[in-house]
Amino acid sequence: MITKAELKRLRSTRPSHNQELHYTIGGAIEERVHSSLEAERIGKLNQGDRRLQQALSEMRHEQAFRTREGLAKAQFNQTQSPPMG
């Protein structure tokens, strides 16, 4: 499960676009490793965003359902109460 904190961490670790010279191995293998890690990070971000959107949608649906259910009960109880007087 991906948490909101993990999504924030993944977003904060996006690579910057400024190019600097580093003394690393380089080559095709390093490029594949970096692109694989980036693809995994983006996949987790997308999955987390989808799950958060789905949870929000479900919460809104449930809230609307409960509101309508409460209104229906109130209307039913109002029509069932005996006349006063």
PDB file of N, CA and C in Angstrom:
ATOM      1  N   MET A   1       0.843  -1.172   0.000  1.00  0.00           N
ATOM      2  CA  MET A   1       0.000   0.000   0.000  1.00  0.00           C
ATOM      3  C   MET A   1       0.888   1.234   0.000  1.00  0.00           C
ATOM      4  N   ILE A   2       0.540   2.185  -0.799  1.00  0.00           N
ATOM      5  CA  ILE A   2       1.314   3.411  -0.908  1.00  0.00           C
ATOM      6  C   ILE A   2       0.623   4.484  -0.082  1.00  0.00           C
ATOM      7  N   THR A   3       1.374   5.115   0.807  1.00  0.00           N
ATOM      8  CA  THR A   3       0.804   6.136   1.672  1.00  0.00           C
ATOM      9  C   THR A   3       1.006   7.516   1.059  1.00  0.00           C
ATOM     10  N   LYS A   4       0.298   8.484   1.613  1.00  0.00           N
ATOM     11  CA  LYS A   4       0.435   9.853   1.143  1.00  0.00           C
ATOM     12  C   LYS A   4       1.861  10.361   1.373  1.00  0.00           C
ATOM     13  N   ALA A   5       2.451   9.965   2.494  1.00  0.00           N
ATOM     14  CA  ALA A   5       3.828  10.369   2.797  1.00  0.00           C
ATOM     15  C   ALA A   5       4.806   9.794   1.772  1.00  0.00           C
ATOM     16  N   GLU A   6       4.572   8.543   1.357  1.00  0.00           N
ATOM     17  CA  GLU A   6       5.459   7.942   0.361  1.00  0.00           C
ATOM     18  C   GLU A   6       5.306   8.630  -0.990  1.00  0.00           C
ATOM     19  N   LEU A   7       4.073   9.008  -1.347  1.00  0.00           N
ATOM     20  CA  LEU A   7       3.872   9.755  -2.587  1.00  0.00           C
ATOM     21  C   LEU A   7       4.631  11.074  -2.539  1.00  0.00           C
ATOM     22  N   LYS A   8       4.575  11.745  -1.401  1.00  0.00           N
ATOM     23  CA  LYS A   8       5.289  13.010  -1.254  1.00  0.00           C
ATOM     24  C   LYS A   8       6.794  12.793  -1.401  1.00  0.00           C
ATOM     25  N   ARG A   9       7.294  11.704  -0.794  1.00  0.00           N
ATOM     26  CA  ARG A   9       8.723  11.399  -0.889  1.00  0.00           C
ATOM     27  C   ARG A   9       9.120  11.097  -2.328  1.00  0.00           C
ATOM     28  N   LEU A  10       8.276  10.341  -3.033  1.00  0.00           N
ATOM     29  CA  LEU A  10       8.579  10.005  -4.427  1.00  0.00           C
ATOM     30  C   LEU A  10       8.590  11.257  -5.304  1.00  0.00           C
ATOM     31  N   ARG A  11       7.654  12.159  -5.025  1.00  0.00           N
ATOM     32  CA  ARG A  11       7.627  13.402  -5.815  1.00  0.00           C
ATOM     33  C   ARG A  11       8.850  14.269  -5.524  1.00  0.00           C
ATOM     34  N   SER A  12       9.312  14.249  -4.280  1.00  0.00           N
ATOM     35  CA  SER A  12      10.441  15.100  -3.914  1.00  0.00           C
ATOM     36  C   SER A  12      11.763  14.569  -4.465  1.00  0.00           C
ATOM     37  N   THR A  13      11.807  13.306  -4.859  1.00  0.00           N
ATOM     38  CA  THR A  13      13.055  12.732  -5.361  1.00  0.00           C
ATOM     39  C   THR A  13      13.137  12.753  -6.879  1.00  0.00           C
ATOM     40  N   ARG A  14      12.295  13.548  -7.507  1.00  0.00           N
ATOM     41  CA  ARG A  14      12.380  13.661  -8.968  1.00  0.00           C
ATOM     42  C   ARG A  14      13.755  14.199  -9.341  1.00  0.00           C
ATOM     43  N   PRO A  15      14.344  13.649 -10.371  1.00  0.00           N
ATOM     44  CA  PRO A  15      15.674  14.131 -10.765  1.00  0.00           C
ATOM     45  C   PRO A  15      15.588  15.526 -11.384  1.00  0.00           C
ATOM     46  N   SER A  16      16.612  16.326 -11.108  1.00  0.00           N
ATOM     47  CA  SER A  16      16.646  17.661 -11.707  1.00  0.00           C
ATOM     48  C   SER A  16      17.169  17.546 -13.137  1.00  0.00           C
ATOM     49  N   HIS A  17      16.887  18.561 -13.911  1.00  0.00           N
ATOM     50  CA  HIS A  17      17.255  18.510 -15.324  1.00  0.00           C
ATOM     51  C   HIS A  17      18.612  19.170 -15.612  1.00  0.00           C
ATOM     52  N   ASN A  18      19.246  19.701 -14.586  1.00  0.00           N
ATOM     53  CA  ASN A  18      20.569  20.276 -14.845  1.00  0.00           C
ATOM     54  C   ASN A  18      21.597  19.160 -14.898  1.00  0.00           C
ATOM     55  N   GLN A  19      22.417  19.215 -15.875  1.00  0.00           N
ATOM     56  CA  GLN A  19      23.394  18.154 -16.101  1.00  0.00           C
ATOM     57  C   GLN A  19      24.716  18.541 -15.430  1.00  0.00           C
ATOM     58  N   GLU A  20      25.256  17.627 -14.661  1.00  0.00           N
ATOM     59  CA  GLU A  20      26.545  17.838 -14.018  1.00  0.00           C
ATOM     60  C   GLU A  20      27.462  16.670 -14.373  1.00  0.00           C
ATOM     61  N   LEU A  21      28.721  16.933 -14.369  1.00  0.00           N
ATOM     62  CA  LEU A  21      29.681  15.873 -14.639  1.00  0.00           C
ATOM     63  C   LEU A  21      29.999  15.124 -13.354  1.00  0.00           C
ATOM     64  N   HIS A  22      29.876  13.811 -13.425  1.00  0.00           N
ATOM     65  CA  HIS A  22      30.207  12.962 -12.287  1.00  0.00           C
ATOM     66  C   HIS A  22      31.114  11.839 -12.785  1.00  0.00           C
ATOM     67  N   TYR A  23      31.966  11.394 -11.945  1.00  0.00           N
ATOM     68  CA  TYR A  23      32.834  10.288 -12.303  1.00  0.00           C
ATOM     69  C   TYR A  23      32.149   8.978 -11.924  1.00  0.00           C
ATOM     70  N   THR A  24      31.301   8.511 -12.825  1.00  0.00           N
ATOM     71  CA  THR A  24      30.592   7.259 -12.598  1.00  0.00           C
ATOM     72  C   THR A  24      30.862   6.320 -13.761  1.00  0.00           C
ATOM     73  N   ILE A  25      30.359   5.124 -13.642  1.00  0.00           N
ATOM     74  CA  ILE A  25      30.590   4.097 -14.646  1.00  0.00           C
ATOM     75  C   ILE A  25      30.062   4.539 -16.005  1.00  0.00           C
ATOM     76  N   GLY A  26      28.814   4.978 -16.037  1.00  0.00           N
ATOM     77  CA  GLY A  26      28.224   5.449 -17.284  1.00  0.00           C
ATOM     78  C   GLY A  26      27.904   4.307 -18.224  1.00  0.00           C
ATOM     79  N   GLY A  27      27.511   4.666 -19.406  1.00  0.00           N
ATOM     80  CA  GLY A  27      27.226   3.668 -20.415  1.00  0.00           C
ATOM     81  C   GLY A  27      25.781   3.215 -20.413  1.00  0.00           C
ATOM     82  N   ALA A  28      25.515   2.233 -21.255  1.00  0.00           N
ATOM     83  CA  ALA A  28      24.156   1.758 -21.473  1.00  0.00           C
ATOM     84  C   ALA A  28      23.583   1.068 -20.242  1.00  0.00           C
ATOM     85  N   ILE A  29      24.417   0.346 -19.509  1.00  0.00           N
ATOM     86  CA  ILE A  29      23.922  -0.365 -18.325  1.00  0.00           C
ATOM     87  C   ILE A  29      23.419   0.633 -17.287  1.00  0.00           C
ATOM     88  N   GLU A  30      24.191   1.668 -17.028  1.00  0.00           N
ATOM     89  CA  GLU A  30      23.775   2.674 -16.049  1.00  0.00           C
ATOM     90  C   GLU A  30      22.499   3.377 -16.504  1.00  0.00           C
ATOM     91  N   GLU A  31      22.406   3.683 -17.782  1.00  0.00           N
ATOM     92  CA  GLU A  31      21.195   4.329 -18.302  1.00  0.00           C
ATOM     93  C   GLU A  31      19.973   3.442 -18.100  1.00  0.00           C
ATOM     94  N   ARG A  32      20.128   2.135 -18.362  1.00  0.00           N
ATOM     95  CA  ARG A  32      19.001   1.210 -18.160  1.00  0.00           C
ATOM     96  C   ARG A  32      18.591   1.144 -16.701  1.00  0.00           C
ATOM     97  N   VAL A  33      19.570   1.131 -15.809  1.00  0.00           N
ATOM     98  CA  VAL A  33      19.269   1.082 -14.372  1.00  0.00           C
ATOM     99  C   VAL A  33      18.519   2.340 -13.953  1.00  0.00           C
ATOM    100  N   HIS A  34      19.012   3.495 -14.376  1.00  0.00           N
ATOM    101  CA  HIS A  34      18.358   4.751 -14.004  1.00  0.00           C
ATOM    102  C   HIS A  34      16.958   4.842 -14.599  1.00  0.00           C
ATOM    103  N   SER A  35      16.797   4.461 -15.839  1.00  0.00           N
ATOM    104  CA  SER A  35      15.468   4.543 -16.444  1.00  0.00           C
ATOM    105  C   SER A  35      14.522   3.525 -15.821  1.00  0.00           C
ATOM    106  N   SER A  36      15.035   2.379 -15.419  1.00  0.00           N
ATOM    107  CA  SER A  36      14.215   1.382 -14.734  1.00  0.00           C
ATOM    108  C   SER A  36      13.744   1.906 -13.379  1.00  0.00           C
ATOM    109  N   LEU A  37      14.656   2.512 -12.633  1.00  0.00           N
ATOM    110  CA  LEU A  37      14.291   3.088 -11.338  1.00  0.00           C
ATOM    111  C   LEU A  37      13.277   4.220 -11.504  1.00  0.00           C
ATOM    112  N   GLU A  38      13.468   5.040 -12.505  1.00  0.00           N
ATOM    113  CA  GLU A  38      12.544   6.156 -12.758  1.00  0.00           C
ATOM    114  C   GLU A  38      11.173   5.626 -13.162  1.00  0.00           C
ATOM    115  N   ALA A  39      11.138   4.592 -13.998  1.00  0.00           N
ATOM    116  CA  ALA A  39       9.859   4.004 -14.407  1.00  0.00           C
ATOM    117  C   ALA A  39       9.133   3.409 -13.203  1.00  0.00           C
ATOM    118  N   GLU A  40       9.873   2.779 -12.310  1.00  0.00           N
ATOM    119  CA  GLU A  40       9.272   2.207 -11.098  1.00  0.00           C
ATOM    120  C   GLU A  40       8.703   3.316 -10.216  1.00  0.00           C
ATOM    121  N   ARG A  41       9.456   4.400 -10.069  1.00  0.00           N
ATOM    122  CA  ARG A  41       9.008   5.537  -9.258  1.00  0.00           C
ATOM    123  C   ARG A  41       7.741   6.144  -9.832  1.00  0.00           C
ATOM    124  N   ILE A  42       7.705   6.340 -11.146  1.00  0.00           N
ATOM    125  CA  ILE A  42       6.530   6.915 -11.806  1.00  0.00           C
ATOM    126  C   ILE A  42       5.342   5.967 -11.682  1.00  0.00           C
ATOM    127  N   GLY A  43       5.596   4.676 -11.808  1.00  0.00           N
ATOM    128  CA  GLY A  43       4.522   3.696 -11.652  1.00  0.00           C
ATOM    129  C   GLY A  43       3.906   3.750 -10.264  1.00  0.00           C
ATOM    130  N   LYS A  44       4.740   3.851  -9.236  1.00  0.00           N
ATOM    131  CA  LYS A  44       4.230   3.955  -7.870  1.00  0.00           C
ATOM    132  C   LYS A  44       3.443   5.246  -7.672  1.00  0.00           C
ATOM    133  N   LEU A  45       3.946   6.331  -8.243  1.00  0.00           N
ATOM    134  CA  LEU A  45       3.223   7.598  -8.152  1.00  0.00           C
ATOM    135  C   LEU A  45       1.843   7.484  -8.794  1.00  0.00           C
ATOM    136  N   ASN A  46       1.796   6.920  -9.985  1.00  0.00           N
ATOM    137  CA  ASN A  46       0.518   6.779 -10.683  1.00  0.00           C
ATOM    138  C   ASN A  46      -0.436   5.868  -9.916  1.00  0.00           C
ATOM    139  N   GLN A  47       0.082   4.771  -9.400  1.00  0.00           N
ATOM    140  CA  GLN A  47      -0.739   3.839  -8.630  1.00  0.00           C
ATOM    141  C   GLN A  47      -1.291   4.526  -7.378  1.00  0.00           C
ATOM    142  N   GLY A  48      -0.440   5.263  -6.690  1.00  0.00           N
ATOM    143  CA  GLY A  48      -0.876   5.977  -5.494  1.00  0.00           C
ATOM    144  C   GLY A  48      -1.920   7.024  -5.803  1.00  0.00           C
ATOM    145  N   ASP A  49      -1.711   7.771  -6.882  1.00  0.00           N
ATOM    146  CA  ASP A  49      -2.698   8.781  -7.278  1.00  0.00           C
ATOM    147  C   ASP A  49      -4.033   8.135  -7.616  1.00  0.00           C
ATOM    148  N   ARG A  50      -3.996   7.007  -8.339  1.00  0.00           N
ATOM    149  CA  ARG A  50      -5.246   6.315  -8.684  1.00  0.00           C
ATOM    150  C   ARG A  50      -5.975   5.838  -7.430  1.00  0.00           C
ATOM    151  N   ARG A  51      -5.218   5.277  -6.487  1.00  0.00           N
ATOM    152  CA  ARG A  51      -5.839   4.780  -5.254  1.00  0.00           C
ATOM    153  C   ARG A  51      -6.438   5.917  -4.437  1.00  0.00           C
ATOM    154  N   LEU A  52      -5.725   7.040  -4.358  1.00  0.00           N
ATOM    155  CA  LEU A  52      -6.267   8.177  -3.622  1.00  0.00           C
ATOM    156  C   LEU A  52      -7.530   8.713  -4.291  1.00  0.00           C
ATOM    157  N   GLN A  53      -7.532   8.795  -5.614  1.00  0.00           N
ATOM    158  CA  GLN A  53      -8.719   9.258  -6.332  1.00  0.00           C
ATOM    159  C   GLN A  53      -9.887   8.294  -6.142  1.00  0.00           C
ATOM    160  N   GLN A  54      -9.609   7.000  -6.162  1.00  0.00           N
ATOM    161  CA  GLN A  54     -10.652   6.000  -5.972  1.00  0.00           C
ATOM    162  C   GLN A  54     -11.225   6.102  -4.556  1.00  0.00           C
ATOM    163  N   ALA A  55     -10.367   6.264  -3.569  1.00  0.00           N
ATOM    164  CA  ALA A  55     -10.827   6.389  -2.185  1.00  0.00           C
ATOM    165  C   ALA A  55     -11.668   7.643  -2.011  1.00  0.00           C
ATOM    166  N   LEU A  56     -11.258   8.738  -2.637  1.00  0.00           N
ATOM    167  CA  LEU A  56     -12.023   9.978  -2.565  1.00  0.00           C
ATOM    168  C   LEU A  56     -13.393   9.808  -3.205  1.00  0.00           C
ATOM    169  N   SER A  57     -13.425   9.159  -4.352  1.00  0.00           N
ATOM    170  CA  SER A  57     -14.689   8.914  -5.042  1.00  0.00           C
ATOM    171  C   SER A  57     -15.616   8.045  -4.205  1.00  0.00           C
ATOM    172  N   GLU A  58     -15.070   6.992  -3.616  1.00  0.00           N
ATOM    173  CA  GLU A  58     -15.874   6.106  -2.767  1.00  0.00           C
ATOM    174  C   GLU A  58     -16.392   6.845  -1.535  1.00  0.00           C
ATOM    175  N   MET A  59     -15.558   7.689  -0.950  1.00  0.00           N
ATOM    176  CA  MET A  59     -15.976   8.448   0.221  1.00  0.00           C
ATOM    177  C   MET A  59     -17.112   9.409  -0.132  1.00  0.00           C
ATOM    178  N   ARG A  60     -16.985  10.111  -1.253  1.00  0.00           N
ATOM    179  CA  ARG A  60     -18.039  11.036  -1.681  1.00  0.00           C
ATOM    180  C   ARG A  60     -19.333  10.296  -1.980  1.00  0.00           C
ATOM    181  N   HIS A  61     -19.232   9.134  -2.619  1.00  0.00           N
ATOM    182  CA  HIS A  61     -20.414   8.333  -2.919  1.00  0.00           C
ATOM    183  C   HIS A  61     -21.092   7.887  -1.631  1.00  0.00           C
ATOM    184  N   GLU A  62     -20.308   7.401  -0.691  1.00  0.00           N
ATOM    185  CA  GLU A  62     -20.851   6.939   0.587  1.00  0.00           C
ATOM    186  C   GLU A  62     -21.492   8.100   1.355  1.00  0.00           C
ATOM    187  N   GLN A  63     -20.861   9.255   1.327  1.00  0.00           N
ATOM    188  CA  GLN A  63     -21.401  10.423   2.014  1.00  0.00           C
ATOM    189  C   GLN A  63     -22.739  10.838   1.398  1.00  0.00           C
ATOM    190  N   ALA A  64     -22.821  10.855   0.084  1.00  0.00           N
ATOM    191  CA  ALA A  64     -24.069  11.207  -0.589  1.00  0.00           C
ATOM    192  C   ALA A  64     -25.152  10.180  -0.281  1.00  0.00           C
ATOM    193  N   PHE A  65     -24.793   8.904  -0.265  1.00  0.00           N
ATOM    194  CA  PHE A  65     -25.750   7.846   0.034  1.00  0.00           C
ATOM    195  C   PHE A  65     -26.291   8.000   1.448  1.00  0.00           C
ATOM    196  N   ARG A  66     -25.393   8.224   2.408  1.00  0.00           N
ATOM    197  CA  ARG A  66     -25.817   8.377   3.801  1.00  0.00           C
ATOM    198  C   ARG A  66     -26.702   9.614   3.978  1.00  0.00           C
ATOM    199  N   THR A  67     -26.398  10.692   3.266  1.00  0.00           N
ATOM    200  CA  THR A  67     -27.219  11.898   3.348  1.00  0.00           C
ATOM    201  C   THR A  67     -28.616  11.618   2.821  1.00  0.00           C
ATOM    202  N   ARG A  68     -28.708  10.964   1.667  1.00  0.00           N
ATOM    203  CA  ARG A  68     -30.022  10.630   1.099  1.00  0.00           C
ATOM    204  C   ARG A  68     -30.778   9.654   1.988  1.00  0.00           C
ATOM    205  N   GLU A  69     -30.053   8.704   2.573  1.00  0.00           N
ATOM    206  CA  GLU A  69     -30.681   7.729   3.458  1.00  0.00           C
ATOM    207  C   GLU A  69     -31.264   8.429   4.691  1.00  0.00           C
ATOM    208  N   GLY A  70     -30.524   9.357   5.273  1.00  0.00           N
ATOM    209  CA  GLY A  70     -31.016  10.106   6.433  1.00  0.00           C
ATOM    210  C   GLY A  70     -32.226  10.947   6.092  1.00  0.00           C
ATOM    211  N   LEU A  71     -32.215  11.578   4.930  1.00  0.00           N
ATOM    212  CA  LEU A  71     -33.354  12.387   4.487  1.00  0.00           C
ATOM    213  C   LEU A  71     -34.583  11.508   4.284  1.00  0.00           C
ATOM    214  N   ALA A  72     -34.403  10.350   3.692  1.00  0.00           N
ATOM    215  CA  ALA A  72     -35.525   9.442   3.456  1.00  0.00           C
ATOM    216  C   ALA A  72     -36.118   8.973   4.784  1.00  0.00           C
ATOM    217  N   LYS A  73     -35.282   8.661   5.763  1.00  0.00           N
ATOM    218  CA  LYS A  73     -35.770   8.230   7.074  1.00  0.00           C
ATOM    219  C   LYS A  73     -36.550   9.356   7.754  1.00  0.00           C
ATOM    220  N   ALA A  74     -36.009  10.563   7.663  1.00  0.00           N
ATOM    221  CA  ALA A  74     -36.688  11.705   8.284  1.00  0.00           C
ATOM    222  C   ALA A  74     -38.051  11.936   7.637  1.00  0.00           C
ATOM    223  N   GLN A  75     -38.117  11.859   6.323  1.00  0.00           N
ATOM    224  CA  GLN A  75     -39.391  12.052   5.626  1.00  0.00           C
ATOM    225  C   GLN A  75     -40.370  10.933   5.974  1.00  0.00           C
ATOM    226  N   PHE A  76     -39.869   9.705   6.053  1.00  0.00           N
ATOM    227  CA  PHE A  76     -40.741   8.574   6.398  1.00  0.00           C
ATOM    228  C   PHE A  76     -41.281   8.749   7.812  1.00  0.00           C
ATOM    229  N   ASN A  77     -40.424   9.105   8.751  1.00  0.00           N
ATOM    230  CA  ASN A  77     -40.855   9.274  10.133  1.00  0.00           C
ATOM    231  C   ASN A  77     -41.857  10.417  10.261  1.00  0.00           C
ATOM    232  N   GLN A  78     -41.669  11.444   9.452  1.00  0.00           N
ATOM    233  CA  GLN A  78     -42.581  12.596   9.501  1.00  0.00           C
ATOM    234  C   GLN A  78     -43.974  12.195   9.005  1.00  0.00           C
ATOM    235  N   THR A  79     -44.054  11.362   7.990  1.00  0.00           N
ATOM    236  CA  THR A  79     -45.352  10.960   7.456  1.00  0.00           C
ATOM    237  C   THR A  79     -46.005   9.908   8.330  1.00  0.00           C
ATOM    238  N   GLN A  80     -45.263   9.213   9.161  1.00  0.00           N
ATOM    239  CA  GLN A  80     -45.807   8.155  10.006  1.00  0.00           C
ATOM    240  C   GLN A  80     -46.248   8.653  11.389  1.00  0.00           C
ATOM    241  N   SER A  81     -45.858   9.824  11.771  1.00  0.00           N
ATOM    242  CA  SER A  81     -46.218  10.296  13.123  1.00  0.00           C
ATOM    243  C   SER A  81     -47.695  10.641  13.186  1.00  0.00           C
ATOM    244  N   PRO A  82     -48.357  10.297  14.312  1.00  0.00           N
ATOM    245  CA  PRO A  82     -49.784  10.560  14.447  1.00  0.00           C
ATOM    246  C   PRO A  82     -50.040  12.062  14.563  1.00  0.00           C
ATOM    247  N   PRO A  83     -51.196  12.497  14.142  1.00  0.00           N
ATOM    248  CA  PRO A  83     -51.506  13.940  14.217  1.00  0.00           C
ATOM    249  C   PRO A  83     -51.601  14.378  15.666  1.00  0.00           C
ATOM    250  N   MET A  84     -51.090  15.558  15.907  1.00  0.00           N
ATOM    251  CA  MET A  84     -51.112  16.126  17.247  1.00  0.00           C
ATOM    252  C   MET A  84     -52.395  16.927  17.419  1.00  0.00           C
ATOM    253  N   GLY A  85     -52.990  16.864  18.575  1.00  0.00           N
ATOM    254  CA  GLY A  85     -54.080  17.771  18.782  1.00  0.00           C
ATOM    255  C   GLY A  85     -55.209  17.190  19.420  1.00  0.00           C
TER     256      GLY A  85
END
